[in-house]
Amino acid sequence: MSKREKLLERLKNNPNNATFSEIRRLLKQEGFTLDRITGSHDVFTRNETTFVIPVHNNRVKMIYVKRVIELIEQTKDEIDEKMKLTKRSNYELSYCDLSL
């Protein structure tokens, strides 16, 4: 299990004790960049997706931790689906090539 997976699992089990640095690390690993900081709100972006996290005393509220986890899992599901489609289309292409 990688450090990223361990951190994600720990945050799932106990979202109340998340620090902003942990959330920032997870979002950066998912391809988000810190776009801007407006007061206590940090704005992360990736492609067309924007995610705003209010930070107070290096702590993130539980609702935002849960949203980050949902976003990461949704991204993982999308990647898995694309991989399945790619594998399927490669297989079909290979099969068609063999039949010629």
PDB file of N, CA and C in Angstrom:
ATOM      1  N   MET A   1       0.854  -1.177   0.000  1.00  0.00           N
ATOM      2  CA  MET A   1       0.000   0.000   0.000  1.00  0.00           C
ATOM      3  C   MET A   1       0.901   1.242   0.000  1.00  0.00           C
ATOM      4  N   SER A   2       0.651   2.161  -0.917  1.00  0.00           N
ATOM      5  CA  SER A   2       1.474   3.360  -1.040  1.00  0.00           C
ATOM      6  C   SER A   2       1.116   4.379   0.050  1.00  0.00           C
ATOM      7  N   LYS A   3       1.987   5.377   0.198  1.00  0.00           N
ATOM      8  CA  LYS A   3       1.730   6.427   1.182  1.00  0.00           C
ATOM      9  C   LYS A   3       0.421   7.144   0.875  1.00  0.00           C
ATOM     10  N   ARG A   4       0.177   7.363  -0.418  1.00  0.00           N
ATOM     11  CA  ARG A   4      -1.046   8.038  -0.843  1.00  0.00           C
ATOM     12  C   ARG A   4      -2.274   7.236  -0.435  1.00  0.00           C
ATOM     13  N   GLU A   5      -2.234   5.928  -0.670  1.00  0.00           N
ATOM     14  CA  GLU A   5      -3.365   5.067  -0.312  1.00  0.00           C
ATOM     15  C   GLU A   5      -3.565   5.020   1.196  1.00  0.00           C
ATOM     16  N   LYS A   6      -2.468   4.982   1.951  1.00  0.00           N
ATOM     17  CA  LYS A   6      -2.571   4.976   3.410  1.00  0.00           C
ATOM     18  C   LYS A   6      -3.195   6.271   3.920  1.00  0.00           C
ATOM     19  N   LEU A   7      -2.748   7.393   3.357  1.00  0.00           N
ATOM     20  CA  LEU A   7      -3.300   8.680   3.770  1.00  0.00           C
ATOM     21  C   LEU A   7      -4.780   8.765   3.423  1.00  0.00           C
ATOM     22  N   LEU A   8      -5.136   8.331   2.235  1.00  0.00           N
ATOM     23  CA  LEU A   8      -6.538   8.357   1.814  1.00  0.00           C
ATOM     24  C   LEU A   8      -7.393   7.483   2.726  1.00  0.00           C
ATOM     25  N   GLU A   9      -6.902   6.315   3.067  1.00  0.00           N
ATOM     26  CA  GLU A   9      -7.636   5.406   3.955  1.00  0.00           C
ATOM     27  C   GLU A   9      -7.784   6.007   5.350  1.00  0.00           C
ATOM     28  N   ARG A  10      -6.724   6.652   5.844  1.00  0.00           N
ATOM     29  CA  ARG A  10      -6.784   7.265   7.168  1.00  0.00           C
ATOM     30  C   ARG A  10      -7.798   8.413   7.191  1.00  0.00           C
ATOM     31  N   LEU A  11      -7.836   9.191   6.116  1.00  0.00           N
ATOM     32  CA  LEU A  11      -8.795  10.293   6.053  1.00  0.00           C
ATOM     33  C   LEU A  11     -10.227   9.788   5.924  1.00  0.00           C
ATOM     34  N   LYS A  12     -10.410   8.669   5.234  1.00  0.00           N
ATOM     35  CA  LYS A  12     -11.751   8.077   5.145  1.00  0.00           C
ATOM     36  C   LYS A  12     -12.227   7.630   6.519  1.00  0.00           C
ATOM     37  N   ASN A  13     -11.327   7.030   7.282  1.00  0.00           N
ATOM     38  CA  ASN A  13     -11.695   6.508   8.598  1.00  0.00           C
ATOM     39  C   ASN A  13     -11.870   7.600   9.643  1.00  0.00           C
ATOM     40  N   ASN A  14     -11.134   8.707   9.502  1.00  0.00           N
ATOM     41  CA  ASN A  14     -11.203   9.765  10.501  1.00  0.00           C
ATOM     42  C   ASN A  14     -11.067  11.132   9.824  1.00  0.00           C
ATOM     43  N   PRO A  15     -12.113  11.608   9.162  1.00  0.00           N
ATOM     44  CA  PRO A  15     -12.014  12.875   8.431  1.00  0.00           C
ATOM     45  C   PRO A  15     -11.927  14.112   9.320  1.00  0.00           C
ATOM     46  N   ASN A  16     -12.200  13.976  10.605  1.00  0.00           N
ATOM     47  CA  ASN A  16     -12.144  15.128  11.503  1.00  0.00           C
ATOM     48  C   ASN A  16     -10.733  15.628  11.762  1.00  0.00           C
ATOM     49  N   ASN A  17      -9.745  14.760  11.676  1.00  0.00           N
ATOM     50  CA  ASN A  17      -8.381  15.142  12.026  1.00  0.00           C
ATOM     51  C   ASN A  17      -7.501  15.417  10.816  1.00  0.00           C
ATOM     52  N   ALA A  18      -8.063  15.920   9.752  1.00  0.00           N
ATOM     53  CA  ALA A  18      -7.287  16.189   8.543  1.00  0.00           C
ATOM     54  C   ALA A  18      -6.645  17.568   8.619  1.00  0.00           C
ATOM     55  N   THR A  19      -5.389  17.631   8.226  1.00  0.00           N
ATOM     56  CA  THR A  19      -4.721  18.919   8.133  1.00  0.00           C
ATOM     57  C   THR A  19      -4.758  19.389   6.688  1.00  0.00           C
ATOM     58  N   PHE A  20      -4.579  20.685   6.515  1.00  0.00           N
ATOM     59  CA  PHE A  20      -4.607  21.231   5.168  1.00  0.00           C
ATOM     60  C   PHE A  20      -3.447  20.696   4.335  1.00  0.00           C
ATOM     61  N   SER A  21      -2.301  20.502   4.950  1.00  0.00           N
ATOM     62  CA  SER A  21      -1.148  19.999   4.189  1.00  0.00           C
ATOM     63  C   SER A  21      -1.416  18.598   3.633  1.00  0.00           C
ATOM     64  N   GLU A  22      -2.151  17.766   4.361  1.00  0.00           N
ATOM     65  CA  GLU A  22      -2.506  16.434   3.859  1.00  0.00           C
ATOM     66  C   GLU A  22      -3.466  16.529   2.675  1.00  0.00           C
ATOM     67  N   ILE A  23      -4.453  17.400   2.797  1.00  0.00           N
ATOM     68  CA  ILE A  23      -5.426  17.583   1.716  1.00  0.00           C
ATOM     69  C   ILE A  23      -4.733  18.156   0.483  1.00  0.00           C
ATOM     70  N   ARG A  24      -3.870  19.135   0.700  1.00  0.00           N
ATOM     71  CA  ARG A  24      -3.132  19.735  -0.415  1.00  0.00           C
ATOM     72  C   ARG A  24      -2.281  18.682  -1.120  1.00  0.00           C
ATOM     73  N   ARG A  25      -1.618  17.821  -0.359  1.00  0.00           N
ATOM     74  CA  ARG A  25      -0.786  16.760  -0.938  1.00  0.00           C
ATOM     75  C   ARG A  25      -1.631  15.815  -1.799  1.00  0.00           C
ATOM     76  N   LEU A  26      -2.790  15.415  -1.289  1.00  0.00           N
ATOM     77  CA  LEU A  26      -3.671  14.528  -2.060  1.00  0.00           C
ATOM     78  C   LEU A  26      -4.146  15.183  -3.357  1.00  0.00           C
ATOM     79  N   LEU A  27      -4.555  16.439  -3.257  1.00  0.00           N
ATOM     80  CA  LEU A  27      -5.047  17.123  -4.454  1.00  0.00           C
ATOM     81  C   LEU A  27      -3.937  17.298  -5.489  1.00  0.00           C
ATOM     82  N   LYS A  28      -2.733  17.618  -5.046  1.00  0.00           N
ATOM     83  CA  LYS A  28      -1.620  17.765  -5.990  1.00  0.00           C
ATOM     84  C   LYS A  28      -1.286  16.436  -6.650  1.00  0.00           C
ATOM     85  N   GLN A  29      -1.384  15.344  -5.909  1.00  0.00           N
ATOM     86  CA  GLN A  29      -1.136  14.026  -6.493  1.00  0.00           C
ATOM     87  C   GLN A  29      -2.199  13.673  -7.525  1.00  0.00           C
ATOM     88  N   GLU A  30      -3.385  14.246  -7.394  1.00  0.00           N
ATOM     89  CA  GLU A  30      -4.462  14.002  -8.350  1.00  0.00           C
ATOM     90  C   GLU A  30      -4.409  14.953  -9.539  1.00  0.00           C
ATOM     91  N   GLY A  31      -3.411  15.828  -9.566  1.00  0.00           N
ATOM     92  CA  GLY A  31      -3.244  16.714 -10.711  1.00  0.00           C
ATOM     93  C   GLY A  31      -3.816  18.107 -10.532  1.00  0.00           C
ATOM     94  N   PHE A  32      -4.275  18.437  -9.345  1.00  0.00           N
ATOM     95  CA  PHE A  32      -4.779  19.777  -9.079  1.00  0.00           C
ATOM     96  C   PHE A  32      -3.610  20.715  -8.792  1.00  0.00           C
ATOM     97  N   THR A  33      -3.781  21.972  -9.130  1.00  0.00           N
ATOM     98  CA  THR A  33      -2.784  22.982  -8.796  1.00  0.00           C
ATOM     99  C   THR A  33      -3.455  24.057  -7.952  1.00  0.00           C
ATOM    100  N   LEU A  34      -2.671  24.652  -7.067  1.00  0.00           N
ATOM    101  CA  LEU A  34      -3.187  25.741  -6.241  1.00  0.00           C
ATOM    102  C   LEU A  34      -3.251  26.974  -7.127  1.00  0.00           C
ATOM    103  N   ASP A  35      -4.447  27.367  -7.495  1.00  0.00           N
ATOM    104  CA  ASP A  35      -4.644  28.461  -8.440  1.00  0.00           C
ATOM    105  C   ASP A  35      -4.480  29.815  -7.764  1.00  0.00           C
ATOM    106  N   ARG A  36      -5.154  29.980  -6.639  1.00  0.00           N
ATOM    107  CA  ARG A  36      -5.070  31.255  -5.933  1.00  0.00           C
ATOM    108  C   ARG A  36      -5.531  31.071  -4.492  1.00  0.00           C
ATOM    109  N   ILE A  37      -5.164  32.054  -3.675  1.00  0.00           N
ATOM    110  CA  ILE A  37      -5.602  32.082  -2.285  1.00  0.00           C
ATOM    111  C   ILE A  37      -6.336  33.397  -2.083  1.00  0.00           C
ATOM    112  N   THR A  38      -7.581  33.296  -1.665  1.00  0.00           N
ATOM    113  CA  THR A  38      -8.393  34.480  -1.419  1.00  0.00           C
ATOM    114  C   THR A  38      -8.799  34.460   0.043  1.00  0.00           C
ATOM    115  N   GLY A  39      -8.114  35.246   0.848  1.00  0.00           N
ATOM    116  CA  GLY A  39      -8.380  35.231   2.281  1.00  0.00           C
ATOM    117  C   GLY A  39      -8.032  33.873   2.856  1.00  0.00           C
ATOM    118  N   SER A  40      -9.006  33.204   3.451  1.00  0.00           N
ATOM    119  CA  SER A  40      -8.767  31.880   4.028  1.00  0.00           C
ATOM    120  C   SER A  40      -9.198  30.762   3.088  1.00  0.00           C
ATOM    121  N   HIS A  41      -9.552  31.102   1.849  1.00  0.00           N
ATOM    122  CA  HIS A  41     -10.017  30.105   0.881  1.00  0.00           C
ATOM    123  C   HIS A  41      -8.923  29.820  -0.148  1.00  0.00           C
ATOM    124  N   ASP A  42      -8.524  28.572  -0.233  1.00  0.00           N
ATOM    125  CA  ASP A  42      -7.545  28.144  -1.229  1.00  0.00           C
ATOM    126  C   ASP A  42      -8.302  27.511  -2.389  1.00  0.00           C
ATOM    127  N   VAL A  43      -7.971  27.929  -3.598  1.00  0.00           N
ATOM    128  CA  VAL A  43      -8.684  27.479  -4.789  1.00  0.00           C
ATOM    129  C   VAL A  43      -7.760  26.584  -5.605  1.00  0.00           C
ATOM    130  N   PHE A  44      -8.180  25.333  -5.783  1.00  0.00           N
ATOM    131  CA  PHE A  44      -7.439  24.354  -6.571  1.00  0.00           C
ATOM    132  C   PHE A  44      -8.170  24.147  -7.888  1.00  0.00           C
ATOM    133  N   THR A  45      -7.411  23.970  -8.972  1.00  0.00           N
ATOM    134  CA  THR A  45      -8.031  23.739 -10.275  1.00  0.00           C
ATOM    135  C   THR A  45      -7.335  22.596 -11.003  1.00  0.00           C
ATOM    136  N   ARG A  46      -8.117  21.919 -11.839  1.00  0.00           N
ATOM    137  CA  ARG A  46      -7.616  20.903 -12.770  1.00  0.00           C
ATOM    138  C   ARG A  46      -8.599  20.871 -13.930  1.00  0.00           C
ATOM    139  N   ASN A  47      -8.082  21.141 -15.125  1.00  0.00           N
ATOM    140  CA  ASN A  47      -8.927  21.242 -16.318  1.00  0.00           C
ATOM    141  C   ASN A  47     -10.068  22.218 -16.042  1.00  0.00           C
ATOM    142  N   GLU A  48     -11.312  21.786 -16.110  1.00  0.00           N
ATOM    143  CA  GLU A  48     -12.436  22.684 -15.833  1.00  0.00           C
ATOM    144  C   GLU A  48     -12.928  22.577 -14.395  1.00  0.00           C
ATOM    145  N   THR A  49     -12.325  21.703 -13.605  1.00  0.00           N
ATOM    146  CA  THR A  49     -12.780  21.474 -12.234  1.00  0.00           C
ATOM    147  C   THR A  49     -12.114  22.461 -11.282  1.00  0.00           C
ATOM    148  N   THR A  50     -12.923  23.131 -10.478  1.00  0.00           N
ATOM    149  CA  THR A  50     -12.420  24.043  -9.455  1.00  0.00           C
ATOM    150  C   THR A  50     -12.906  23.549  -8.103  1.00  0.00           C
ATOM    151  N   PHE A  51     -11.998  23.569  -7.130  1.00  0.00           N
ATOM    152  CA  PHE A  51     -12.330  23.081  -5.797  1.00  0.00           C
ATOM    153  C   PHE A  51     -11.838  24.107  -4.783  1.00  0.00           C
ATOM    154  N   VAL A  52     -12.738  24.637  -3.962  1.00  0.00           N
ATOM    155  CA  VAL A  52     -12.402  25.659  -2.976  1.00  0.00           C
ATOM    156  C   VAL A  52     -12.410  25.036  -1.588  1.00  0.00           C
ATOM    157  N   ILE A  53     -11.332  25.292  -0.835  1.00  0.00           N
ATOM    158  CA  ILE A  53     -11.240  24.760   0.524  1.00  0.00           C
ATOM    159  C   ILE A  53     -10.942  25.905   1.485  1.00  0.00           C
ATOM    160  N   PRO A  54     -11.839  26.164   2.439  1.00  0.00           N
ATOM    161  CA  PRO A  54     -11.526  27.146   3.470  1.00  0.00           C
ATOM    162  C   PRO A  54     -10.611  26.518   4.524  1.00  0.00           C
ATOM    163  N   VAL A  55      -9.575  27.259   4.905  1.00  0.00           N
ATOM    164  CA  VAL A  55      -8.586  26.736   5.850  1.00  0.00           C
ATOM    165  C   VAL A  55      -8.503  27.676   7.045  1.00  0.00           C
ATOM    166  N   HIS A  56      -8.607  27.101   8.237  1.00  0.00           N
ATOM    167  CA  HIS A  56      -8.467  27.863   9.469  1.00  0.00           C
ATOM    168  C   HIS A  56      -7.572  27.070  10.415  1.00  0.00           C
ATOM    169  N   ASN A  57      -6.463  27.673  10.827  1.00  0.00           N
ATOM    170  CA  ASN A  57      -5.508  27.035  11.743  1.00  0.00           C
ATOM    171  C   ASN A  57      -5.002  25.696  11.213  1.00  0.00           C
ATOM    172  N   ASN A  58      -4.741  25.621   9.919  1.00  0.00           N
ATOM    173  CA  ASN A  58      -4.233  24.412   9.251  1.00  0.00           C
ATOM    174  C   ASN A  58      -5.181  23.221   9.388  1.00  0.00           C
ATOM    175  N   ARG A  59      -6.437  23.466   9.655  1.00  0.00           N
ATOM    176  CA  ARG A  59      -7.437  22.400   9.755  1.00  0.00           C
ATOM    177  C   ARG A  59      -8.477  22.573   8.651  1.00  0.00           C
ATOM    178  N   VAL A  60      -8.999  21.443   8.203  1.00  0.00           N
ATOM    179  CA  VAL A  60     -10.039  21.439   7.176  1.00  0.00           C
ATOM    180  C   VAL A  60     -11.262  20.757   7.771  1.00  0.00           C
ATOM    181  N   LYS A  61     -12.420  21.359   7.597  1.00  0.00           N
ATOM    182  CA  LYS A  61     -13.647  20.774   8.141  1.00  0.00           C
ATOM    183  C   LYS A  61     -13.962  19.447   7.463  1.00  0.00           C
ATOM    184  N   MET A  62     -14.659  18.615   8.210  1.00  0.00           N
ATOM    185  CA  MET A  62     -14.957  17.253   7.779  1.00  0.00           C
ATOM    186  C   MET A  62     -15.695  17.208   6.437  1.00  0.00           C
ATOM    187  N   ILE A  63     -16.608  18.115   6.186  1.00  0.00           N
ATOM    188  CA  ILE A  63     -17.382  18.094   4.945  1.00  0.00           C
ATOM    189  C   ILE A  63     -16.472  18.270   3.734  1.00  0.00           C
ATOM    190  N   TYR A  64     -15.431  19.105   3.863  1.00  0.00           N
ATOM    191  CA  TYR A  64     -14.508  19.325   2.746  1.00  0.00           C
ATOM    192  C   TYR A  64     -13.600  18.121   2.543  1.00  0.00           C
ATOM    193  N   VAL A  65     -13.231  17.470   3.637  1.00  0.00           N
ATOM    194  CA  VAL A  65     -12.426  16.248   3.528  1.00  0.00           C
ATOM    195  C   VAL A  65     -13.222  15.182   2.785  1.00  0.00           C
ATOM    196  N   LYS A  66     -14.492  15.035   3.138  1.00  0.00           N
ATOM    197  CA  LYS A  66     -15.340  14.045   2.456  1.00  0.00           C
ATOM    198  C   LYS A  66     -15.499  14.383   0.979  1.00  0.00           C
ATOM    199  N   ARG A  67     -15.615  15.666   0.659  1.00  0.00           N
ATOM    200  CA  ARG A  67     -15.738  16.066  -0.748  1.00  0.00           C
ATOM    201  C   ARG A  67     -14.463  15.763  -1.529  1.00  0.00           C
ATOM    202  N   VAL A  68     -13.314  15.977  -0.907  1.00  0.00           N
ATOM    203  CA  VAL A  68     -12.038  15.650  -1.564  1.00  0.00           C
ATOM    204  C   VAL A  68     -11.961  14.154  -1.823  1.00  0.00           C
ATOM    205  N   ILE A  69     -12.346  13.351  -0.850  1.00  0.00           N
ATOM    206  CA  ILE A  69     -12.323  11.892  -1.007  1.00  0.00           C
ATOM    207  C   ILE A  69     -13.263  11.473  -2.135  1.00  0.00           C
ATOM    208  N   GLU A  70     -14.463  12.039  -2.178  1.00  0.00           N
ATOM    209  CA  GLU A  70     -15.407  11.729  -3.261  1.00  0.00           C
ATOM    210  C   GLU A  70     -14.830  12.113  -4.616  1.00  0.00           C
ATOM    211  N   LEU A  71     -14.192  13.270  -4.674  1.00  0.00           N
ATOM    212  CA  LEU A  71     -13.592  13.737  -5.920  1.00  0.00           C
ATOM    213  C   LEU A  71     -12.486  12.792  -6.383  1.00  0.00           C
ATOM    214  N   ILE A  72     -11.652  12.347  -5.464  1.00  0.00           N
ATOM    215  CA  ILE A  72     -10.561  11.426  -5.800  1.00  0.00           C
ATOM    216  C   ILE A  72     -11.121  10.090  -6.268  1.00  0.00           C
ATOM    217  N   GLU A  73     -12.133   9.582  -5.581  1.00  0.00           N
ATOM    218  CA  GLU A  73     -12.725   8.303  -5.985  1.00  0.00           C
ATOM    219  C   GLU A  73     -13.433   8.419  -7.328  1.00  0.00           C
ATOM    220  N   GLN A  74     -14.086   9.545  -7.572  1.00  0.00           N
ATOM    221  CA  GLN A  74     -14.742   9.769  -8.857  1.00  0.00           C
ATOM    222  C   GLN A  74     -13.697   9.808  -9.971  1.00  0.00           C
ATOM    223  N   THR A  75     -12.590  10.479  -9.725  1.00  0.00           N
ATOM    224  CA  THR A  75     -11.511  10.546 -10.709  1.00  0.00           C
ATOM    225  C   THR A  75     -10.950   9.164 -10.981  1.00  0.00           C
ATOM    226  N   LYS A  76     -10.775   8.375  -9.922  1.00  0.00           N
ATOM    227  CA  LYS A  76     -10.251   7.018 -10.082  1.00  0.00           C
ATOM    228  C   LYS A  76     -11.209   6.171 -10.918  1.00  0.00           C
ATOM    229  N   ASP A  77     -12.510   6.299 -10.657  1.00  0.00           N
ATOM    230  CA  ASP A  77     -13.509   5.553 -11.431  1.00  0.00           C
ATOM    231  C   ASP A  77     -13.479   5.949 -12.904  1.00  0.00           C
ATOM    232  N   GLU A  78     -13.319   7.247 -13.175  1.00  0.00           N
ATOM    233  CA  GLU A  78     -13.251   7.710 -14.564  1.00  0.00           C
ATOM    234  C   GLU A  78     -12.021   7.145 -15.267  1.00  0.00           C
ATOM    235  N   ILE A  79     -10.896   7.121 -14.573  1.00  0.00           N
ATOM    236  CA  ILE A  79      -9.667   6.576 -15.157  1.00  0.00           C
ATOM    237  C   ILE A  79      -9.825   5.086 -15.412  1.00  0.00           C
ATOM    238  N   ASP A  80     -10.409   4.368 -14.452  1.00  0.00           N
ATOM    239  CA  ASP A  80     -10.629   2.929 -14.633  1.00  0.00           C
ATOM    240  C   ASP A  80     -11.520   2.657 -15.837  1.00  0.00           C
ATOM    241  N   GLU A  81     -12.563   3.470 -16.004  1.00  0.00           N
ATOM    242  CA  GLU A  81     -13.473   3.296 -17.137  1.00  0.00           C
ATOM    243  C   GLU A  81     -12.749   3.551 -18.458  1.00  0.00           C
ATOM    244  N   LYS A  82     -11.914   4.585 -18.495  1.00  0.00           N
ATOM    245  CA  LYS A  82     -11.150   4.867 -19.714  1.00  0.00           C
ATOM    246  C   LYS A  82     -10.187   3.730 -20.027  1.00  0.00           C
ATOM    247  N   MET A  83      -9.575   3.162 -18.983  1.00  0.00           N
ATOM    248  CA  MET A  83      -8.648   2.042 -19.189  1.00  0.00           C
ATOM    249  C   MET A  83      -9.391   0.841 -19.755  1.00  0.00           C
ATOM    250  N   LYS A  84     -10.587   0.568 -19.253  1.00  0.00           N
ATOM    251  CA  LYS A  84     -11.379  -0.554 -19.761  1.00  0.00           C
ATOM    252  C   LYS A  84     -11.718  -0.346 -21.228  1.00  0.00           C
ATOM    253  N   LEU A  85     -12.127   0.876 -21.571  1.00  0.00           N
ATOM    254  CA  LEU A  85     -12.467   1.172 -22.962  1.00  0.00           C
ATOM    255  C   LEU A  85     -11.245   1.045 -23.860  1.00  0.00           C
ATOM    256  N   THR A  86     -10.102   1.504 -23.372  1.00  0.00           N
ATOM    257  CA  THR A  86      -8.873   1.415 -24.156  1.00  0.00           C
ATOM    258  C   THR A  86      -8.482  -0.037 -24.360  1.00  0.00           C
ATOM    259  N   LYS A  87      -8.546  -0.830 -23.301  1.00  0.00           N
ATOM    260  CA  LYS A  87      -8.199  -2.250 -23.423  1.00  0.00           C
ATOM    261  C   LYS A  87      -9.157  -2.954 -24.371  1.00  0.00           C
ATOM    262  N   ARG A  88     -10.438  -2.634 -24.264  1.00  0.00           N
ATOM    263  CA  ARG A  88     -11.437  -3.266 -25.118  1.00  0.00           C
ATOM    264  C   ARG A  88     -11.194  -2.885 -26.581  1.00  0.00           C
ATOM    265  N   SER A  89     -10.948  -1.616 -26.850  1.00  0.00           N
ATOM    266  CA  SER A  89     -10.738  -1.189 -28.236  1.00  0.00           C
ATOM    267  C   SER A  89      -9.433  -1.757 -28.783  1.00  0.00           C
ATOM    268  N   ASN A  90      -8.399  -1.878 -27.957  1.00  0.00           N
ATOM    269  CA  ASN A  90      -7.148  -2.492 -28.407  1.00  0.00           C
ATOM    270  C   ASN A  90      -7.358  -3.965 -28.716  1.00  0.00           C
ATOM    271  N   TYR A  91      -8.140  -4.635 -27.889  1.00  0.00           N
ATOM    272  CA  TYR A  91      -8.421  -6.051 -28.113  1.00  0.00           C
ATOM    273  C   TYR A  91      -9.194  -6.232 -29.410  1.00  0.00           C
ATOM    274  N   GLU A  92     -10.227  -5.408 -29.610  1.00  0.00           N
ATOM    275  CA  GLU A  92     -11.023  -5.516 -30.830  1.00  0.00           C
ATOM    276  C   GLU A  92     -10.173  -5.231 -32.057  1.00  0.00           C
ATOM    277  N   LEU A  93      -9.276  -4.265 -31.944  1.00  0.00           N
ATOM    278  CA  LEU A  93      -8.396  -3.944 -33.051  1.00  0.00           C
ATOM    279  C   LEU A  93      -7.466  -5.116 -33.335  1.00  0.00           C
ATOM    280  N   SER A  94      -6.909  -5.691 -32.287  1.00  0.00           N
ATOM    281  CA  SER A  94      -6.015  -6.837 -32.455  1.00  0.00           C
ATOM    282  C   SER A  94      -6.763  -8.012 -33.065  1.00  0.00           C
ATOM    283  N   TYR A  95      -7.968  -8.250 -32.600  1.00  0.00           N
ATOM    284  CA  TYR A  95      -8.770  -9.359 -33.106  1.00  0.00           C
ATOM    285  C   TYR A  95      -9.084  -9.152 -34.587  1.00  0.00           C
ATOM    286  N   CYS A  96      -9.428  -7.929 -34.952  1.00  0.00           N
ATOM    287  CA  CYS A  96      -9.717  -7.628 -36.361  1.00  0.00           C
ATOM    288  C   CYS A  96      -8.466  -7.807 -37.212  1.00  0.00           C
ATOM    289  N   ASP A  97      -7.321  -7.396 -36.700  1.00  0.00           N
ATOM    290  CA  ASP A  97      -6.076  -7.548 -37.446  1.00  0.00           C
ATOM    291  C   ASP A  97      -5.768  -9.014 -37.692  1.00  0.00           C
ATOM    292  N   LEU A  98      -6.056  -9.855 -36.706  1.00  0.00           N
ATOM    293  CA  LEU A  98      -5.769 -11.283 -36.842  1.00  0.00           C
ATOM    294  C   LEU A  98      -6.685 -11.941 -37.857  1.00  0.00           C
ATOM    295  N   SER A  99      -7.902 -11.443 -37.977  1.00  0.00           N
ATOM    296  CA  SER A  99      -8.851 -12.084 -38.884  1.00  0.00           C
ATOM    297  C   SER A  99      -8.590 -11.722 -40.345  1.00  0.00           C
ATOM    298  N   LEU A 100      -7.795 -10.703 -40.594  1.00  0.00           N
ATOM    299  CA  LEU A 100      -7.492 -10.319 -41.978  1.00  0.00           C
ATOM    300  C   LEU A 100      -6.504 -11.275 -42.510  1.00  0.00           C
TER     301      LEU A 100
END
